[in-house]
Amino acid sequence: MSLQKSSKTAVQTCMGITEKDSVTILSDVKSEKIGHALEKAAYKITDDIHFFNLDNYGKRPLNNLPEMIKKSAEDSTATFWTARSVRGELHSVRMPFFRSAILGGRHAHMVGITESVFEKGLSGDYTKIAEFTKKIKKLVESVDKIRIRTDRGTDLDITVGRYKWIASTGIVDTIGTWHNLPDGEVFTTPYKMEGTAMIDGTLGDYFDTIYDPAHTDKYPLKLEIENKDRPTLTNIECDDKELRDEFSRYVDQNKNSRIVGELGIGTNLFVDRLMGNMLIDEKYPGIHIAFGDPNGDMTGADWQCPTHIDVVIKGCDIWAGELKIMEKGKYLIDELIES
């Protein structure tokens, strides 16, 4: 699928841009081609468009969000972020832009997106992705127990239901809301979780720019999780000492950085492989969990954390209550898939 077609999907289907929208697009050197493709697609609908290249405002990481960009995001009804993730910009740039974007608009978050991810992740039928995602949400929110097993040693028992399940469908049609694009997942904050997670897929935040899925497949992180006041990461093992130590430093940044803030199930049936970019890989059918912030504004979790790192587990068997819904990474719910 071309950048042009993927941009049309993002602008028209996912964000539903109309002639009444004011649009801000924030890119950088690496994602400028994607940003301009979105700009071109949006110009076919509205001429109220503001484009920024973050790299033009100084050497990154930047210490703050440029005032001109902040003001544009605040005044827009639809915003897109395609710039890469740079260590040190989460609180100085990304979060200020995000908060400004959702004040009076809706936001498509595509941090670190590449052309291949953009084309692949937005090649699917988002009407069908949304329908399937909503059906999976209805199924998992009807149970209070989730089990996850893999041949490599993942063995997790999870209690859910205290916090809301969110269907992240890729359809961003309400002011004050945002979605990652590409999209397709359901997620919640787990109330309880215990056991072992073998992380052999993609790592989030800036880790996916350093370690590709082939590396974590060869050197998986073995994470032990225990139920304390909240489900907490208590032990980290990995044959790659450098990866183990860097991951440990990340989850030791804050008192809540080791808490499991998210349990997510990928529901984008059009994503058939991991691509080494968390933006799309957490949408791949299977399980991802995250340590740190629980997105409490959506799930209802009553705590916060300045860090959030997703990690992907491959080849999962998943049970929702007593119903097995996935085996070795493949959905077993034929009637839902066929619909």
Protein backbone atom coordinates (compact mmCIF):
# COMPACT_ATOMS: atom_id res chain seq x y z
CA MET A 1 0.00 0.00 0.00
CA SER A 2 1.34 3.46 -0.85
CA LEU A 3 1.87 6.41 1.47
CA GLN A 4 -0.92 8.13 -0.42
CA LYS A 5 -3.47 5.39 0.29
CA SER A 6 -2.40 4.98 3.92
CA SER A 7 -2.64 8.74 4.42
CA LYS A 8 -6.15 8.72 3.00
CA THR A 9 -7.11 5.99 5.49
CA ALA A 10 -5.60 7.95 8.40
CA VAL A 11 -7.16 11.27 7.40
CA GLN A 12 -10.58 10.16 6.18
CA THR A 13 -11.42 6.86 7.94
CA CYS A 14 -9.52 7.09 11.23
CA MET A 15 -9.65 10.82 11.96
CA GLY A 16 -12.69 11.71 9.87
CA ILE A 17 -11.28 15.08 8.82
CA THR A 18 -13.89 17.51 7.47
CA GLU A 19 -13.75 20.96 5.91
CA LYS A 20 -14.45 22.43 9.36
CA ASP A 21 -11.28 20.98 10.91
CA SER A 22 -8.12 22.87 11.74
CA VAL A 23 -5.22 20.40 11.47
CA THR A 24 -1.72 20.41 13.01
CA ILE A 25 0.90 17.90 11.85
CA LEU A 26 4.16 17.52 13.81
CA SER A 27 6.94 15.57 12.07
CA ASP A 28 10.74 15.52 12.03
CA VAL A 29 13.41 14.78 9.44
CA LYS A 30 12.90 11.02 9.59
CA SER A 31 9.10 11.18 9.33
CA GLU A 32 8.74 14.28 7.15
CA LYS A 33 7.70 12.28 4.09
CA ILE A 34 4.85 10.70 6.08
CA GLY A 35 3.89 14.07 7.50
CA HIS A 36 3.68 15.64 4.07
CA ALA A 37 1.64 12.70 2.79
CA LEU A 38 -0.86 13.35 5.60
CA GLU A 39 -0.76 17.05 4.79
CA LYS A 40 -1.52 16.37 1.13
CA ALA A 41 -4.43 14.08 2.02
CA ALA A 42 -5.85 16.62 4.46
CA TYR A 43 -5.55 19.47 1.94
CA LYS A 44 -8.06 17.66 -0.24
CA ILE A 45 -10.60 18.33 2.51
CA THR A 46 -9.54 21.49 4.37
CA ASP A 47 -7.01 24.26 3.80
CA ASP A 48 -6.60 25.03 7.52
CA ILE A 49 -3.42 22.99 8.01
CA HIS A 50 -0.25 23.75 9.99
CA PHE A 51 2.89 21.66 9.44
CA PHE A 52 5.95 21.61 11.71
CA ASN A 53 9.29 19.82 11.57
CA LEU A 54 10.49 19.39 15.16
CA ASP A 55 14.13 19.13 14.10
CA ASN A 56 14.02 22.72 12.86
CA TYR A 57 13.75 24.00 16.43
CA GLY A 58 17.15 22.93 17.73
CA LYS A 59 19.27 19.94 18.60
CA ARG A 60 17.23 17.18 20.15
CA PRO A 61 16.30 16.36 22.80
CA LEU A 62 14.57 19.72 23.12
CA ASN A 63 14.11 21.20 26.58
CA ASN A 64 10.57 22.37 25.84
CA LEU A 65 7.83 22.36 23.24
CA PRO A 66 8.18 25.44 21.01
CA GLU A 67 5.43 27.92 21.81
CA MET A 68 4.31 28.20 18.18
CA ILE A 69 3.70 24.43 18.01
CA LYS A 70 1.95 24.40 21.38
CA LYS A 71 -0.39 27.21 20.33
CA SER A 72 -1.17 25.48 17.02
CA ALA A 73 -2.02 22.22 18.81
CA GLU A 74 -4.28 24.06 21.25
CA ASP A 75 -6.14 25.81 18.44
CA SER A 76 -6.55 22.71 16.25
CA THR A 77 -9.45 20.28 16.19
CA ALA A 78 -7.31 17.44 14.77
CA THR A 79 -3.60 16.73 15.31
CA PHE A 80 -1.04 14.19 14.11
CA TRP A 81 2.32 13.36 15.71
CA THR A 82 4.73 11.41 13.49
CA ALA A 83 8.11 12.48 14.98
CA ARG A 84 10.47 9.90 16.43
CA SER A 85 10.89 9.16 20.13
CA VAL A 86 14.01 10.81 21.57
CA ARG A 87 15.20 9.98 25.05
CA GLY A 88 14.61 12.96 27.33
CA GLU A 89 11.64 14.47 25.44
CA LEU A 90 8.74 12.60 27.02
CA HIS A 91 7.99 15.29 29.59
CA SER A 92 9.53 18.30 27.84
CA VAL A 93 7.94 17.88 24.40
CA ARG A 94 5.67 14.89 23.86
CA MET A 95 3.39 15.25 26.87
CA PRO A 96 2.96 19.04 26.47
CA PHE A 97 1.99 18.53 22.81
CA PHE A 98 -0.35 15.69 23.73
CA ARG A 99 -2.08 17.71 26.46
CA SER A 100 -2.46 20.69 24.14
CA ALA A 101 -3.79 18.48 21.33
CA ILE A 102 -6.68 17.00 23.27
CA LEU A 103 -7.83 20.23 24.91
CA GLY A 104 -10.32 20.90 22.15
CA GLY A 105 -9.58 18.30 19.53
CA ARG A 106 -8.78 14.71 18.70
CA HIS A 107 -5.31 13.32 18.25
CA ALA A 108 -3.57 10.61 16.19
CA HIS A 109 -0.35 9.58 17.91
CA MET A 110 2.22 7.97 15.61
CA VAL A 111 5.45 8.46 17.54
CA GLY A 112 8.46 6.94 15.79
CA ILE A 113 6.49 5.73 12.79
CA THR A 114 8.37 4.59 9.71
CA GLU A 115 7.18 4.45 6.13
CA SER A 116 6.95 0.65 6.19
CA VAL A 117 4.96 0.69 9.45
CA PHE A 118 2.71 3.45 8.15
CA GLU A 119 1.97 1.60 4.92
CA LYS A 120 1.51 -1.81 6.57
CA GLY A 121 -0.38 -0.64 9.65
CA LEU A 122 -2.87 1.49 7.76
CA SER A 123 -3.45 -0.97 4.94
CA GLY A 124 -6.24 -2.84 6.70
CA ASP A 125 -9.96 -2.19 6.71
CA TYR A 126 -10.43 -0.07 9.83
CA THR A 127 -14.17 -0.57 9.80
CA LYS A 128 -13.57 -4.32 10.25
CA ILE A 129 -10.76 -3.72 12.77
CA ALA A 130 -13.11 -1.57 14.84
CA GLU A 131 -15.90 -4.18 14.73
CA PHE A 132 -13.58 -7.02 15.75
CA THR A 133 -11.96 -4.96 18.51
CA LYS A 134 -15.34 -4.12 20.02
CA LYS A 135 -16.33 -7.81 19.99
CA ILE A 136 -13.12 -8.83 21.79
CA LYS A 137 -13.74 -6.08 24.37
CA LYS A 138 -17.27 -7.37 24.99
CA LEU A 139 -15.87 -10.86 25.51
CA VAL A 140 -13.03 -10.00 27.92
CA GLU A 141 -15.01 -7.53 29.98
CA SER A 142 -17.52 -10.31 30.75
CA VAL A 143 -14.92 -12.34 32.72
CA ASP A 144 -12.76 -11.67 35.76
CA LYS A 145 -9.85 -13.98 34.99
CA ILE A 146 -7.35 -14.00 32.11
CA ARG A 147 -4.67 -16.68 31.70
CA ILE A 148 -1.65 -16.43 29.41
CA ARG A 149 0.73 -19.29 28.57
CA THR A 150 3.52 -19.75 26.00
CA ASP A 151 5.87 -22.57 25.09
CA ARG A 152 8.81 -20.39 26.12
CA GLY A 153 7.68 -20.15 29.73
CA THR A 154 5.19 -17.32 30.08
CA ASP A 155 2.74 -18.31 32.79
CA LEU A 156 0.53 -15.47 34.00
CA ASP A 157 -2.72 -15.46 35.96
CA ILE A 158 -4.55 -12.15 35.88
CA THR A 159 -7.57 -10.71 37.64
CA VAL A 160 -9.43 -8.04 35.69
CA GLY A 161 -12.70 -6.19 36.05
CA ARG A 162 -11.88 -3.55 38.62
CA TYR A 163 -10.79 -1.16 35.88
CA LYS A 164 -12.34 -0.46 32.48
CA TRP A 165 -11.47 -2.29 29.28
CA ILE A 166 -10.82 0.13 26.43
CA ALA A 167 -11.45 -0.68 22.76
CA SER A 168 -8.78 1.15 20.79
CA THR A 169 -10.29 0.90 17.32
CA GLY A 170 -8.42 3.48 15.29
CA ILE A 171 -11.57 5.55 14.82
CA VAL A 172 -10.90 8.89 16.54
CA ASP A 173 -14.19 10.73 16.34
CA THR A 174 -14.63 12.46 19.70
CA ILE A 175 -13.12 15.71 20.99
CA GLY A 176 -10.70 15.11 23.84
CA THR A 177 -9.79 11.59 22.68
CA TRP A 178 -6.71 10.12 21.06
CA HIS A 179 -5.54 6.86 19.53
CA ASN A 180 -2.24 5.45 18.44
CA LEU A 181 -2.13 4.79 14.72
CA PRO A 182 -1.80 2.10 13.47
CA ASP A 183 -4.42 0.77 15.88
CA GLY A 184 -6.35 -2.30 16.95
CA GLU A 185 -6.21 -3.43 20.59
CA VAL A 186 -8.18 -3.77 23.78
CA PHE A 187 -6.52 -2.93 27.06
CA THR A 188 -7.13 -2.47 30.75
CA THR A 189 -5.22 -1.97 33.97
CA PRO A 190 -4.92 -5.41 35.63
CA TYR A 191 -6.12 -5.53 39.21
CA LYS A 192 -3.91 -8.53 39.99
CA MET A 193 -1.21 -10.38 38.05
CA GLU A 194 1.30 -12.99 39.08
CA GLY A 195 3.69 -15.37 37.40
CA THR A 196 6.40 -15.27 34.75
CA ALA A 197 6.46 -13.25 31.53
CA MET A 198 8.98 -14.24 28.86
CA ILE A 199 9.39 -11.13 26.73
CA ASP A 200 10.56 -12.37 23.34
CA GLY A 201 8.98 -9.71 21.13
CA THR A 202 9.28 -5.95 20.74
CA LEU A 203 10.24 -3.59 23.57
CA GLY A 204 8.68 -0.13 23.79
CA ASP A 205 9.69 3.48 24.37
CA TYR A 206 13.18 4.00 22.89
CA PHE A 207 14.16 0.33 23.28
CA ASP A 208 12.72 -0.63 19.87
CA THR A 209 15.27 1.69 18.24
CA ILE A 210 18.11 -0.28 19.89
CA TYR A 211 16.91 -3.91 20.13
CA ASP A 212 14.99 -5.52 17.28
CA PRO A 213 12.64 -8.51 17.70
CA ALA A 214 15.36 -10.91 16.51
CA HIS A 215 17.51 -9.81 19.43
CA THR A 216 14.81 -10.25 22.07
CA ASP A 217 13.86 -13.57 20.49
CA LYS A 218 17.44 -14.72 21.06
CA TYR A 219 17.77 -13.00 24.45
CA PRO A 220 14.29 -12.84 26.01
CA LEU A 221 13.70 -10.95 29.21
CA LYS A 222 12.40 -13.18 31.99
CA LEU A 223 10.21 -11.03 34.22
CA GLU A 224 8.77 -12.24 37.51
CA ILE A 225 5.58 -10.49 38.64
CA GLU A 226 4.03 -10.69 42.09
CA ASN A 227 0.82 -9.37 43.62
CA LYS A 228 1.68 -6.73 46.19
CA ASP A 229 -0.47 -3.65 46.69
CA ARG A 230 -0.50 -3.71 42.92
CA PRO A 231 0.98 -6.26 40.47
CA THR A 232 4.70 -5.54 40.58
CA LEU A 233 7.81 -6.57 38.65
CA THR A 234 10.09 -8.17 41.26
CA ASN A 235 12.87 -9.83 39.26
CA ILE A 236 14.52 -9.41 35.85
CA GLU A 237 16.73 -11.98 34.13
CA CYS A 238 18.31 -11.91 30.67
CA ASP A 239 21.37 -13.51 29.10
CA ASP A 240 22.16 -10.12 27.53
CA LYS A 241 23.51 -8.25 30.56
CA GLU A 242 23.45 -4.89 28.80
CA LEU A 243 19.77 -5.25 27.93
CA ARG A 244 18.95 -6.49 31.42
CA ASP A 245 20.73 -3.55 33.06
CA GLU A 246 19.21 -0.94 30.74
CA PHE A 247 15.71 -2.34 31.28
CA SER A 248 16.31 -2.41 35.04
CA ARG A 249 17.38 1.23 35.02
CA TYR A 250 14.23 2.13 33.11
CA VAL A 251 11.85 0.46 35.55
CA ASP A 252 13.68 1.90 38.55
CA GLN A 253 13.11 5.53 37.57
CA ASN A 254 10.04 6.01 39.76
CA LYS A 255 8.37 4.26 42.67
CA ASN A 256 5.55 3.15 40.33
CA SER A 257 7.69 2.25 37.30
CA ARG A 258 7.66 -1.47 38.17
CA ILE A 259 3.88 -1.69 38.57
CA VAL A 260 1.98 -3.41 35.73
CA GLY A 261 -0.11 -0.55 34.38
CA GLU A 262 -1.53 -2.23 31.29
CA LEU A 263 -2.65 -5.56 29.90
CA GLY A 264 -3.28 -5.33 26.16
CA ILE A 265 -4.55 -7.73 23.49
CA GLY A 266 -3.74 -6.94 19.86
CA THR A 267 -6.77 -7.07 17.57
CA ASN A 268 -5.47 -5.88 14.20
CA LEU A 269 -5.95 -8.99 12.08
CA PHE A 270 -4.21 -7.31 9.15
CA VAL A 271 -0.86 -7.23 10.98
CA ASP A 272 0.79 -10.59 10.33
CA ARG A 273 4.29 -10.10 11.74
CA LEU A 274 6.31 -8.07 14.21
CA MET A 275 8.10 -5.15 12.58
CA GLY A 276 10.32 -3.94 15.41
CA ASN A 277 8.21 -0.85 16.11
CA MET A 278 5.97 -0.84 19.16
CA LEU A 279 3.49 1.46 17.48
CA ILE A 280 2.36 -1.40 15.25
CA ASP A 281 3.66 -4.44 17.14
CA GLU A 282 1.36 -3.96 20.13
CA LYS A 283 -1.53 -4.27 17.66
CA TYR A 284 -0.26 -7.65 16.41
CA PRO A 285 -2.64 -10.43 17.60
CA GLY A 286 -1.29 -11.47 20.98
CA ILE A 287 -0.39 -10.01 24.36
CA HIS A 288 1.53 -6.97 25.48
CA ILE A 289 1.90 -5.68 29.00
CA ALA A 290 3.25 -2.35 30.18
CA PHE A 291 5.04 -1.25 33.31
CA GLY A 292 4.35 2.23 34.62
CA ASP A 293 1.51 4.62 33.92
CA PRO A 294 -1.91 2.90 33.64
CA ASN A 295 -3.63 5.46 31.38
CA GLY A 296 -5.93 6.07 34.30
CA ASP A 297 -7.89 8.77 32.50
CA MET A 298 -9.26 5.93 30.35
CA THR A 299 -9.14 2.80 32.52
CA GLY A 300 -10.07 4.50 35.78
CA ALA A 301 -6.90 3.44 37.60
CA ASP A 302 -6.26 5.78 40.52
CA TRP A 303 -2.47 6.14 40.32
CA GLN A 304 0.07 7.65 37.94
CA CYS A 305 3.65 7.20 36.79
CA PRO A 306 5.93 9.35 34.59
CA THR A 307 7.18 6.25 32.73
CA HIS A 308 5.40 3.65 30.59
CA ILE A 309 7.08 0.82 28.69
CA ASP A 310 5.23 -1.81 26.67
CA VAL A 311 6.65 -5.27 26.04
CA VAL A 312 5.34 -7.90 23.61
CA ILE A 313 4.96 -11.63 24.28
CA LYS A 314 4.82 -13.86 21.19
CA GLY A 315 2.95 -17.08 20.47
CA CYS A 316 0.40 -16.78 23.26
CA ASP A 317 -2.31 -19.10 24.43
CA ILE A 318 -5.01 -16.94 26.02
CA TRP A 319 -8.03 -17.90 28.08
CA ALA A 320 -10.82 -15.43 28.90
CA GLY A 321 -12.39 -17.14 31.87
CA GLU A 322 -12.73 -20.77 30.73
CA LEU A 323 -12.87 -19.91 27.01
CA LYS A 324 -9.62 -20.31 25.09
CA ILE A 325 -9.60 -17.44 22.61
CA MET A 326 -6.07 -17.75 21.21
CA GLU A 327 -3.61 -20.57 20.58
CA LYS A 328 0.03 -19.89 19.68
CA GLY A 329 -0.86 -16.37 18.59
CA LYS A 330 -3.87 -17.31 16.46
CA TYR A 331 -7.43 -16.34 17.36
CA LEU A 332 -9.77 -19.29 17.82
CA ILE A 333 -12.98 -17.31 17.65
CA ASP A 334 -13.94 -18.14 14.07
CA GLU A 335 -17.36 -16.54 14.14
CA LEU A 336 -15.84 -13.23 15.22
CA ILE A 337 -13.07 -13.36 12.64
CA GLU A 338 -15.48 -14.24 9.83
CA SER A 339 -17.77 -11.38 10.71
